[in-house]
Amino acid sequence: MEKDDVYEELKDIVGPDAAKRLVEFYAGSNVYYPKRVVKKLRNQQIRTANKNGASYLDLTLMYGLSKRHLRRIVNKRSERNEEAHSGTKEAAYGTEGIARTE
């Protein structure tokens, strides 16, 4: 990919002002973005799209992920939200007062 192509692609993704600032700041540098950051952003986009009515079929076509994987992503966040609001995992799953054997 040519330098101009990279800049044009960056402008399309983050907008012209942000692209200019990034190029000025990181000019000549190699920038590494860990996959976990990219995955976290992708997963947030998936959850938002699902919340806004996108079907699992739509999401499968957009992200190239299986329906099962998409459900895991959407449900993982839902479980975390329930735990945060209830205070405990047991309360989130309705298992308070049940004795655990280990």
PDB file of N, CA and C in Angstrom:
ATOM      1  N   MET A   1       0.842  -1.175   0.000  1.00  0.00           N
ATOM      2  CA  MET A   1       0.000   0.000   0.000  1.00  0.00           C
ATOM      3  C   MET A   1       0.891   1.244   0.000  1.00  0.00           C
ATOM      4  N   GLU A   2       0.585   2.174  -0.851  1.00  0.00           N
ATOM      5  CA  GLU A   2       1.339   3.420  -0.946  1.00  0.00           C
ATOM      6  C   GLU A   2       1.032   4.330   0.252  1.00  0.00           C
ATOM      7  N   LYS A   3       1.955   5.255   0.527  1.00  0.00           N
ATOM      8  CA  LYS A   3       1.761   6.185   1.642  1.00  0.00           C
ATOM      9  C   LYS A   3       0.460   6.969   1.503  1.00  0.00           C
ATOM     10  N   ASP A   4       0.164   7.463   0.290  1.00  0.00           N
ATOM     11  CA  ASP A   4      -1.061   8.239   0.073  1.00  0.00           C
ATOM     12  C   ASP A   4      -2.302   7.388   0.315  1.00  0.00           C
ATOM     13  N   ASP A   5      -2.246   6.111  -0.059  1.00  0.00           N
ATOM     14  CA  ASP A   5      -3.374   5.211   0.156  1.00  0.00           C
ATOM     15  C   ASP A   5      -3.637   5.018   1.642  1.00  0.00           C
ATOM     16  N   VAL A   6      -2.573   4.872   2.425  1.00  0.00           N
ATOM     17  CA  VAL A   6      -2.710   4.701   3.866  1.00  0.00           C
ATOM     18  C   VAL A   6      -3.353   5.941   4.468  1.00  0.00           C
ATOM     19  N   TYR A   7      -2.893   7.117   4.052  1.00  0.00           N
ATOM     20  CA  TYR A   7      -3.454   8.362   4.577  1.00  0.00           C
ATOM     21  C   TYR A   7      -4.926   8.492   4.199  1.00  0.00           C
ATOM     22  N   GLU A   8      -5.273   8.153   2.973  1.00  0.00           N
ATOM     23  CA  GLU A   8      -6.671   8.235   2.531  1.00  0.00           C
ATOM     24  C   GLU A   8      -7.544   7.267   3.325  1.00  0.00           C
ATOM     25  N   GLU A   9      -7.032   6.066   3.567  1.00  0.00           N
ATOM     26  CA  GLU A   9      -7.782   5.079   4.338  1.00  0.00           C
ATOM     27  C   GLU A   9      -7.963   5.555   5.781  1.00  0.00           C
ATOM     28  N   LEU A  10      -6.921   6.120   6.340  1.00  0.00           N
ATOM     29  CA  LEU A  10      -6.990   6.650   7.694  1.00  0.00           C
ATOM     30  C   LEU A  10      -8.020   7.779   7.773  1.00  0.00           C
ATOM     31  N   LYS A  11      -8.044   8.657   6.773  1.00  0.00           N
ATOM     32  CA  LYS A  11      -9.028   9.744   6.728  1.00  0.00           C
ATOM     33  C   LYS A  11     -10.445   9.189   6.694  1.00  0.00           C
ATOM     34  N   ASP A  12     -10.642   8.118   5.929  1.00  0.00           N
ATOM     35  CA  ASP A  12     -11.971   7.508   5.845  1.00  0.00           C
ATOM     36  C   ASP A  12     -12.409   6.924   7.181  1.00  0.00           C
ATOM     37  N   ILE A  13     -11.456   6.398   7.936  1.00  0.00           N
ATOM     38  CA  ILE A  13     -11.783   5.732   9.198  1.00  0.00           C
ATOM     39  C   ILE A  13     -11.992   6.726  10.334  1.00  0.00           C
ATOM     40  N   VAL A  14     -11.067   7.667  10.515  1.00  0.00           N
ATOM     41  CA  VAL A  14     -11.120   8.558  11.680  1.00  0.00           C
ATOM     42  C   VAL A  14     -11.489  10.003  11.347  1.00  0.00           C
ATOM     43  N   GLY A  15     -11.588  10.317  10.073  1.00  0.00           N
ATOM     44  CA  GLY A  15     -11.897  11.684   9.677  1.00  0.00           C
ATOM     45  C   GLY A  15     -10.634  12.458   9.352  1.00  0.00           C
ATOM     46  N   PRO A  16     -10.749  13.512   8.544  1.00  0.00           N
ATOM     47  CA  PRO A  16      -9.562  14.239   8.079  1.00  0.00           C
ATOM     48  C   PRO A  16      -8.767  14.941   9.173  1.00  0.00           C
ATOM     49  N   ASP A  17      -9.453  15.528  10.160  1.00  0.00           N
ATOM     50  CA  ASP A  17      -8.729  16.243  11.218  1.00  0.00           C
ATOM     51  C   ASP A  17      -7.915  15.282  12.091  1.00  0.00           C
ATOM     52  N   ALA A  18      -8.545  14.191  12.510  1.00  0.00           N
ATOM     53  CA  ALA A  18      -7.845  13.205  13.342  1.00  0.00           C
ATOM     54  C   ALA A  18      -6.715  12.545  12.561  1.00  0.00           C
ATOM     55  N   ALA A  19      -6.946  12.273  11.276  1.00  0.00           N
ATOM     56  CA  ALA A  19      -5.903  11.659  10.448  1.00  0.00           C
ATOM     57  C   ALA A  19      -4.686  12.566  10.364  1.00  0.00           C
ATOM     58  N   LYS A  20      -4.921  13.848  10.172  1.00  0.00           N
ATOM     59  CA  LYS A  20      -3.812  14.800  10.089  1.00  0.00           C
ATOM     60  C   LYS A  20      -3.028  14.833  11.394  1.00  0.00           C
ATOM     61  N   ARG A  21      -3.741  14.866  12.534  1.00  0.00           N
ATOM     62  CA  ARG A  21      -3.074  14.890  13.838  1.00  0.00           C
ATOM     63  C   ARG A  21      -2.282  13.618  14.083  1.00  0.00           C
ATOM     64  N   LEU A  22      -2.838  12.469  13.718  1.00  0.00           N
ATOM     65  CA  LEU A  22      -2.127  11.199  13.894  1.00  0.00           C
ATOM     66  C   LEU A  22      -0.863  11.148  13.050  1.00  0.00           C
ATOM     67  N   VAL A  23      -0.972  11.578  11.805  1.00  0.00           N
ATOM     68  CA  VAL A  23       0.188  11.559  10.906  1.00  0.00           C
ATOM     69  C   VAL A  23       1.275  12.501  11.418  1.00  0.00           C
ATOM     70  N   GLU A  24       0.879  13.687  11.877  1.00  0.00           N
ATOM     71  CA  GLU A  24       1.859  14.636  12.400  1.00  0.00           C
ATOM     72  C   GLU A  24       2.544  14.084  13.654  1.00  0.00           C
ATOM     73  N   PHE A  25       1.780  13.459  14.531  1.00  0.00           N
ATOM     74  CA  PHE A  25       2.331  12.966  15.789  1.00  0.00           C
ATOM     75  C   PHE A  25       3.194  11.724  15.598  1.00  0.00           C
ATOM     76  N   TYR A  26       2.735  10.790  14.738  1.00  0.00           N
ATOM     77  CA  TYR A  26       3.432   9.515  14.578  1.00  0.00           C
ATOM     78  C   TYR A  26       4.273   9.421  13.306  1.00  0.00           C
ATOM     79  N   ALA A  27       4.502  10.518  12.643  1.00  0.00           N
ATOM     80  CA  ALA A  27       5.251  10.513  11.386  1.00  0.00           C
ATOM     81  C   ALA A  27       6.580   9.770  11.538  1.00  0.00           C
ATOM     82  N   GLY A  28       6.797   8.785  10.693  1.00  0.00           N
ATOM     83  CA  GLY A  28       8.042   8.028  10.702  1.00  0.00           C
ATOM     84  C   GLY A  28       8.114   6.932  11.749  1.00  0.00           C
ATOM     85  N   SER A  29       7.081   6.785  12.556  1.00  0.00           N
ATOM     86  CA  SER A  29       7.071   5.777  13.625  1.00  0.00           C
ATOM     87  C   SER A  29       6.284   4.540  13.199  1.00  0.00           C
ATOM     88  N   ASN A  30       6.626   3.431  13.813  1.00  0.00           N
ATOM     89  CA  ASN A  30       5.813   2.232  13.673  1.00  0.00           C
ATOM     90  C   ASN A  30       4.860   2.202  14.857  1.00  0.00           C
ATOM     91  N   VAL A  31       3.593   2.036  14.574  1.00  0.00           N
ATOM     92  CA  VAL A  31       2.593   2.034  15.632  1.00  0.00           C
ATOM     93  C   VAL A  31       2.002   0.634  15.730  1.00  0.00           C
ATOM     94  N   TYR A  32       1.965   0.091  16.941  1.00  0.00           N
ATOM     95  CA  TYR A  32       1.431  -1.235  17.194  1.00  0.00           C
ATOM     96  C   TYR A  32       0.129  -1.107  17.975  1.00  0.00           C
ATOM     97  N   TYR A  33      -0.904  -1.748  17.471  1.00  0.00           N
ATOM     98  CA  TYR A  33      -2.185  -1.782  18.171  1.00  0.00           C
ATOM     99  C   TYR A  33      -2.455  -3.230  18.575  1.00  0.00           C
ATOM    100  N   PRO A  34      -2.469  -3.524  19.865  1.00  0.00           N
ATOM    101  CA  PRO A  34      -2.720  -4.895  20.307  1.00  0.00           C
ATOM    102  C   PRO A  34      -4.089  -5.384  19.846  1.00  0.00           C
ATOM    103  N   LYS A  35      -4.180  -6.664  19.531  1.00  0.00           N
ATOM    104  CA  LYS A  35      -5.442  -7.234  19.057  1.00  0.00           C
ATOM    105  C   LYS A  35      -6.566  -7.047  20.068  1.00  0.00           C
ATOM    106  N   ARG A  36      -6.233  -7.099  21.348  1.00  0.00           N
ATOM    107  CA  ARG A  36      -7.297  -6.985  22.351  1.00  0.00           C
ATOM    108  C   ARG A  36      -7.997  -5.641  22.259  1.00  0.00           C
ATOM    109  N   VAL A  37      -7.276  -4.609  21.860  1.00  0.00           N
ATOM    110  CA  VAL A  37      -7.889  -3.299  21.702  1.00  0.00           C
ATOM    111  C   VAL A  37      -8.846  -3.319  20.517  1.00  0.00           C
ATOM    112  N   VAL A  38      -8.394  -3.894  19.433  1.00  0.00           N
ATOM    113  CA  VAL A  38      -9.213  -3.976  18.224  1.00  0.00           C
ATOM    114  C   VAL A  38     -10.448  -4.847  18.492  1.00  0.00           C
ATOM    115  N   LYS A  39     -10.255  -5.991  19.177  1.00  0.00           N
ATOM    116  CA  LYS A  39     -11.371  -6.875  19.491  1.00  0.00           C
ATOM    117  C   LYS A  39     -12.373  -6.192  20.420  1.00  0.00           C
ATOM    118  N   LYS A  40     -11.867  -5.448  21.371  1.00  0.00           N
ATOM    119  CA  LYS A  40     -12.750  -4.751  22.308  1.00  0.00           C
ATOM    120  C   LYS A  40     -13.630  -3.748  21.563  1.00  0.00           C
ATOM    121  N   LEU A  41     -13.034  -3.001  20.654  1.00  0.00           N
ATOM    122  CA  LEU A  41     -13.797  -2.041  19.856  1.00  0.00           C
ATOM    123  C   LEU A  41     -14.818  -2.751  18.979  1.00  0.00           C
ATOM    124  N   ARG A  42     -14.389  -3.854  18.341  1.00  0.00           N
ATOM    125  CA  ARG A  42     -15.293  -4.625  17.489  1.00  0.00           C
ATOM    126  C   ARG A  42     -16.470  -5.145  18.306  1.00  0.00           C
ATOM    127  N   ASN A  43     -16.179  -5.688  19.476  1.00  0.00           N
ATOM    128  CA  ASN A  43     -17.235  -6.246  20.314  1.00  0.00           C
ATOM    129  C   ASN A  43     -18.213  -5.172  20.781  1.00  0.00           C
ATOM    130  N   GLN A  44     -17.709  -3.980  21.067  1.00  0.00           N
ATOM    131  CA  GLN A  44     -18.597  -2.869  21.435  1.00  0.00           C
ATOM    132  C   GLN A  44     -19.509  -2.514  20.261  1.00  0.00           C
ATOM    133  N   GLN A  45     -18.943  -2.514  19.053  1.00  0.00           N
ATOM    134  CA  GLN A  45     -19.746  -2.217  17.868  1.00  0.00           C
ATOM    135  C   GLN A  45     -20.822  -3.284  17.661  1.00  0.00           C
ATOM    136  N   ILE A  46     -20.463  -4.540  17.892  1.00  0.00           N
ATOM    137  CA  ILE A  46     -21.421  -5.640  17.749  1.00  0.00           C
ATOM    138  C   ILE A  46     -22.563  -5.470  18.746  1.00  0.00           C
ATOM    139  N   ARG A  47     -22.237  -5.180  20.004  1.00  0.00           N
ATOM    140  CA  ARG A  47     -23.266  -5.011  21.028  1.00  0.00           C
ATOM    141  C   ARG A  47     -24.189  -3.837  20.700  1.00  0.00           C
ATOM    142  N   THR A  48     -23.599  -2.746  20.244  1.00  0.00           N
ATOM    143  CA  THR A  48     -24.396  -1.571  19.885  1.00  0.00           C
ATOM    144  C   THR A  48     -25.321  -1.883  18.721  1.00  0.00           C
ATOM    145  N   ALA A  49     -24.788  -2.540  17.695  1.00  0.00           N
ATOM    146  CA  ALA A  49     -25.606  -2.898  16.530  1.00  0.00           C
ATOM    147  C   ALA A  49     -26.747  -3.824  16.936  1.00  0.00           C
ATOM    148  N   ASN A  50     -26.448  -4.789  17.802  1.00  0.00           N
ATOM    149  CA  ASN A  50     -27.476  -5.717  18.269  1.00  0.00           C
ATOM    150  C   ASN A  50     -28.540  -4.981  19.070  1.00  0.00           C
ATOM    151  N   LYS A  51     -28.100  -4.089  19.929  1.00  0.00           N
ATOM    152  CA  LYS A  51     -29.035  -3.301  20.743  1.00  0.00           C
ATOM    153  C   LYS A  51     -29.924  -2.424  19.859  1.00  0.00           C
ATOM    154  N   ASN A  52     -29.367  -1.969  18.732  1.00  0.00           N
ATOM    155  CA  ASN A  52     -30.119  -1.115  17.813  1.00  0.00           C
ATOM    156  C   ASN A  52     -30.953  -1.906  16.809  1.00  0.00           C
ATOM    157  N   GLY A  53     -31.014  -3.236  17.008  1.00  0.00           N
ATOM    158  CA  GLY A  53     -31.921  -4.036  16.187  1.00  0.00           C
ATOM    159  C   GLY A  53     -31.303  -4.889  15.104  1.00  0.00           C
ATOM    160  N   ALA A  54     -29.977  -4.879  14.962  1.00  0.00           N
ATOM    161  CA  ALA A  54     -29.350  -5.723  13.939  1.00  0.00           C
ATOM    162  C   ALA A  54     -29.530  -7.189  14.333  1.00  0.00           C
ATOM    163  N   SER A  55     -29.918  -8.013  13.372  1.00  0.00           N
ATOM    164  CA  SER A  55     -30.104  -9.435  13.646  1.00  0.00           C
ATOM    165  C   SER A  55     -28.751 -10.139  13.663  1.00  0.00           C
ATOM    166  N   TYR A  56     -28.740 -11.357  14.192  1.00  0.00           N
ATOM    167  CA  TYR A  56     -27.499 -12.130  14.192  1.00  0.00           C
ATOM    168  C   TYR A  56     -27.066 -12.438  12.757  1.00  0.00           C
ATOM    169  N   LEU A  57     -28.015 -12.594  11.865  1.00  0.00           N
ATOM    170  CA  LEU A  57     -27.662 -12.819  10.453  1.00  0.00           C
ATOM    171  C   LEU A  57     -26.950 -11.591   9.889  1.00  0.00           C
ATOM    172  N   ASP A  58     -27.488 -10.402  10.180  1.00  0.00           N
ATOM    173  CA  ASP A  58     -26.836  -9.157   9.739  1.00  0.00           C
ATOM    174  C   ASP A  58     -25.416  -9.067  10.278  1.00  0.00           C
ATOM    175  N   LEU A  59     -25.279  -9.347  11.572  1.00  0.00           N
ATOM    176  CA  LEU A  59     -23.969  -9.260  12.218  1.00  0.00           C
ATOM    177  C   LEU A  59     -23.000 -10.298  11.658  1.00  0.00           C
ATOM    178  N   THR A  60     -23.503 -11.491  11.357  1.00  0.00           N
ATOM    179  CA  THR A  60     -22.668 -12.535  10.754  1.00  0.00           C
ATOM    180  C   THR A  60     -22.101 -12.054   9.427  1.00  0.00           C
ATOM    181  N   LEU A  61     -22.929 -11.436   8.635  1.00  0.00           N
ATOM    182  CA  LEU A  61     -22.480 -10.939   7.330  1.00  0.00           C
ATOM    183  C   LEU A  61     -21.517  -9.762   7.471  1.00  0.00           C
ATOM    184  N   MET A  62     -21.753  -8.903   8.450  1.00  0.00           N
ATOM    185  CA  MET A  62     -20.882  -7.729   8.636  1.00  0.00           C
ATOM    186  C   MET A  62     -19.513  -8.086   9.197  1.00  0.00           C
ATOM    187  N   TYR A  63     -19.473  -9.031  10.150  1.00  0.00           N
ATOM    188  CA  TYR A  63     -18.232  -9.296  10.876  1.00  0.00           C
ATOM    189  C   TYR A  63     -17.581 -10.635  10.556  1.00  0.00           C
ATOM    190  N   GLY A  64     -18.268 -11.475   9.797  1.00  0.00           N
ATOM    191  CA  GLY A  64     -17.685 -12.763   9.438  1.00  0.00           C
ATOM    192  C   GLY A  64     -17.528 -13.703  10.621  1.00  0.00           C
ATOM    193  N   LEU A  65     -18.371 -13.552  11.625  1.00  0.00           N
ATOM    194  CA  LEU A  65     -18.333 -14.406  12.812  1.00  0.00           C
ATOM    195  C   LEU A  65     -19.574 -15.282  12.827  1.00  0.00           C
ATOM    196  N   SER A  66     -19.464 -16.427  13.495  1.00  0.00           N
ATOM    197  CA  SER A  66     -20.618 -17.324  13.586  1.00  0.00           C
ATOM    198  C   SER A  66     -21.678 -16.731  14.504  1.00  0.00           C
ATOM    199  N   LYS A  67     -22.899 -17.205  14.315  1.00  0.00           N
ATOM    200  CA  LYS A  67     -24.009 -16.768  15.150  1.00  0.00           C
ATOM    201  C   LYS A  67     -23.737 -17.099  16.621  1.00  0.00           C
ATOM    202  N   ARG A  68     -23.160 -18.259  16.857  1.00  0.00           N
ATOM    203  CA  ARG A  68     -22.835 -18.688  18.224  1.00  0.00           C
ATOM    204  C   ARG A  68     -21.823 -17.729  18.874  1.00  0.00           C
ATOM    205  N   HIS A  69     -20.793 -17.369  18.112  1.00  0.00           N
ATOM    206  CA  HIS A  69     -19.765 -16.464  18.635  1.00  0.00           C
ATOM    207  C   HIS A  69     -20.373 -15.079  18.922  1.00  0.00           C
ATOM    208  N   LEU A  70     -21.224 -14.608  18.038  1.00  0.00           N
ATOM    209  CA  LEU A  70     -21.872 -13.313  18.232  1.00  0.00           C
ATOM    210  C   LEU A  70     -22.738 -13.319  19.487  1.00  0.00           C
ATOM    211  N   ARG A  71     -23.455 -14.404  19.711  1.00  0.00           N
ATOM    212  CA  ARG A  71     -24.284 -14.506  20.919  1.00  0.00           C
ATOM    213  C   ARG A  71     -23.417 -14.444  22.169  1.00  0.00           C
ATOM    214  N   ARG A  72     -22.265 -15.125  22.121  1.00  0.00           N
ATOM    215  CA  ARG A  72     -21.358 -15.093  23.266  1.00  0.00           C
ATOM    216  C   ARG A  72     -20.896 -13.662  23.555  1.00  0.00           C
ATOM    217  N   ILE A  73     -20.559 -12.938  22.506  1.00  0.00           N
ATOM    218  CA  ILE A  73     -20.099 -11.553  22.671  1.00  0.00           C
ATOM    219  C   ILE A  73     -21.207 -10.705  23.279  1.00  0.00           C
ATOM    220  N   VAL A  74     -22.406 -10.802  22.739  1.00  0.00           N
ATOM    221  CA  VAL A  74     -23.537 -10.002  23.234  1.00  0.00           C
ATOM    222  C   VAL A  74     -23.891 -10.395  24.658  1.00  0.00           C
ATOM    223  N   ASN A  75     -23.959 -11.687  24.946  1.00  0.00           N
ATOM    224  CA  ASN A  75     -24.352 -12.154  26.275  1.00  0.00           C
ATOM    225  C   ASN A  75     -23.285 -11.918  27.327  1.00  0.00           C
ATOM    226  N   LYS A  76     -22.018 -11.962  26.956  1.00  0.00           N
ATOM    227  CA  LYS A  76     -20.943 -11.732  27.917  1.00  0.00           C
ATOM    228  C   LYS A  76     -21.092 -10.345  28.537  1.00  0.00           C
ATOM    229  N   ARG A  77     -21.383  -9.366  27.746  1.00  0.00           N
ATOM    230  CA  ARG A  77     -21.556  -8.007  28.242  1.00  0.00           C
ATOM    231  C   ARG A  77     -22.798  -7.913  29.114  1.00  0.00           C
ATOM    232  N   SER A  78     -23.866  -8.595  28.722  1.00  0.00           N
ATOM    233  CA  SER A  78     -25.101  -8.555  29.498  1.00  0.00           C
ATOM    234  C   SER A  78     -24.877  -9.125  30.890  1.00  0.00           C
ATOM    235  N   GLU A  79     -24.127 -10.235  30.988  1.00  0.00           N
ATOM    236  CA  GLU A  79     -23.839 -10.847  32.273  1.00  0.00           C
ATOM    237  C   GLU A  79     -23.029  -9.901  33.148  1.00  0.00           C
ATOM    238  N   ARG A  80     -22.053  -9.222  32.569  1.00  0.00           N
ATOM    239  CA  ARG A  80     -21.243  -8.274  33.343  1.00  0.00           C
ATOM    240  C   ARG A  80     -22.093  -7.143  33.874  1.00  0.00           C
ATOM    241  N   ASN A  81     -23.018  -6.646  33.047  1.00  0.00           N
ATOM    242  CA  ASN A  81     -23.893  -5.559  33.484  1.00  0.00           C
ATOM    243  C   ASN A  81     -24.778  -6.004  34.636  1.00  0.00           C
ATOM    244  N   GLU A  82     -25.314  -7.217  34.565  1.00  0.00           N
ATOM    245  CA  GLU A  82     -26.157  -7.723  35.643  1.00  0.00           C
ATOM    246  C   GLU A  82     -25.369  -7.837  36.938  1.00  0.00           C
ATOM    247  N   GLU A  83     -24.136  -8.357  36.850  1.00  0.00           N
ATOM    248  CA  GLU A  83     -23.303  -8.508  38.035  1.00  0.00           C
ATOM    249  C   GLU A  83     -23.006  -7.147  38.652  1.00  0.00           C
ATOM    250  N   ALA A  84     -22.719  -6.172  37.816  1.00  0.00           N
ATOM    251  CA  ALA A  84     -22.380  -4.842  38.319  1.00  0.00           C
ATOM    252  C   ALA A  84     -23.581  -4.212  39.032  1.00  0.00           C
ATOM    253  N   HIS A  85     -24.772  -4.450  38.502  1.00  0.00           N
ATOM    254  CA  HIS A  85     -25.960  -3.850  39.093  1.00  0.00           C
ATOM    255  C   HIS A  85     -26.428  -4.597  40.332  1.00  0.00           C
ATOM    256  N   SER A  86     -26.170  -5.891  40.396  1.00  0.00           N
ATOM    257  CA  SER A  86     -26.646  -6.660  41.539  1.00  0.00           C
ATOM    258  C   SER A  86     -25.597  -6.756  42.633  1.00  0.00           C
ATOM    259  N   GLY A  87     -24.351  -6.539  42.267  1.00  0.00           N
ATOM    260  CA  GLY A  87     -23.290  -6.571  43.262  1.00  0.00           C
ATOM    261  C   GLY A  87     -22.548  -7.887  43.334  1.00  0.00           C
ATOM    262  N   THR A  88     -23.207  -8.989  43.046  1.00  0.00           N
ATOM    263  CA  THR A  88     -22.536 -10.275  43.105  1.00  0.00           C
ATOM    264  C   THR A  88     -22.955 -11.153  41.946  1.00  0.00           C
ATOM    265  N   LYS A  89     -22.130 -12.104  41.647  1.00  0.00           N
ATOM    266  CA  LYS A  89     -22.434 -13.064  40.594  1.00  0.00           C
ATOM    267  C   LYS A  89     -23.638 -13.913  41.001  1.00  0.00           C
ATOM    268  N   GLU A  90     -23.707 -14.283  42.281  1.00  0.00           N
ATOM    269  CA  GLU A  90     -24.796 -15.109  42.767  1.00  0.00           C
ATOM    270  C   GLU A  90     -26.135 -14.393  42.585  1.00  0.00           C
ATOM    271  N   ALA A  91     -26.150 -13.111  42.901  1.00  0.00           N
ATOM    272  CA  ALA A  91     -27.390 -12.354  42.742  1.00  0.00           C
ATOM    273  C   ALA A  91     -27.773 -12.257  41.273  1.00  0.00           C
ATOM    274  N   ALA A  92     -26.773 -12.106  40.395  1.00  0.00           N
ATOM    275  CA  ALA A  92     -27.039 -11.993  38.964  1.00  0.00           C
ATOM    276  C   ALA A  92     -27.655 -13.269  38.416  1.00  0.00           C
ATOM    277  N   TYR A  93     -27.301 -14.420  38.992  1.00  0.00           N
ATOM    278  CA  TYR A  93     -27.801 -15.695  38.486  1.00  0.00           C
ATOM    279  C   TYR A  93     -28.881 -16.292  39.380  1.00  0.00           C
ATOM    280  N   GLY A  94     -29.299 -15.566  40.408  1.00  0.00           N
ATOM    281  CA  GLY A  94     -30.351 -16.046  41.272  1.00  0.00           C
ATOM    282  C   GLY A  94     -29.950 -17.247  42.102  1.00  0.00           C
ATOM    283  N   THR A  95     -28.684 -17.330  42.480  1.00  0.00           N
ATOM    284  CA  THR A  95     -28.214 -18.487  43.245  1.00  0.00           C
ATOM    285  C   THR A  95     -27.821 -18.111  44.659  1.00  0.00           C
ATOM    286  N   GLU A  96     -28.297 -16.987  45.147  1.00  0.00           N
ATOM    287  CA  GLU A  96     -27.975 -16.595  46.518  1.00  0.00           C
ATOM    288  C   GLU A  96     -28.575 -17.603  47.486  1.00  0.00           C
ATOM    289  N   GLY A  97     -27.824 -17.930  48.531  1.00  0.00           N
ATOM    290  CA  GLY A  97     -28.326 -18.837  49.532  1.00  0.00           C
ATOM    291  C   GLY A  97     -28.138 -20.316  49.193  1.00  0.00           C
ATOM    292  N   ILE A  98     -27.629 -20.612  48.020  1.00  0.00           N
ATOM    293  CA  ILE A  98     -27.375 -22.005  47.652  1.00  0.00           C
ATOM    294  C   ILE A  98     -25.984 -22.362  48.099  1.00  0.00           C
ATOM    295  N   ALA A  99     -25.890 -23.443  48.857  1.00  0.00           N
ATOM    296  CA  ALA A  99     -24.576 -23.855  49.373  1.00  0.00           C
ATOM    297  C   ALA A  99     -23.717 -24.389  48.243  1.00  0.00           C
ATOM    298  N   ARG A 100     -22.461 -24.032  48.279  1.00  0.00           N
ATOM    299  CA  ARG A 100     -21.498 -24.523  47.288  1.00  0.00           C
ATOM    300  C   ARG A 100     -20.696 -25.649  47.901  1.00  0.00           C
ATOM    301  N   THR A 101     -20.448 -26.669  47.118  1.00  0.00           N
ATOM    302  CA  THR A 101     -19.556 -27.735  47.542  1.00  0.00           C
ATOM    303  C   THR A 101     -18.377 -27.750  46.604  1.00  0.00           C
ATOM    304  N   GLU A 102     -17.200 -27.756  47.170  1.00  0.00           N
ATOM    305  CA  GLU A 102     -16.007 -27.701  46.321  1.00  0.00           C
ATOM    306  C   GLU A 102     -15.095 -28.840  46.626  1.00  0.00           C
TER     307      GLU A 102
END
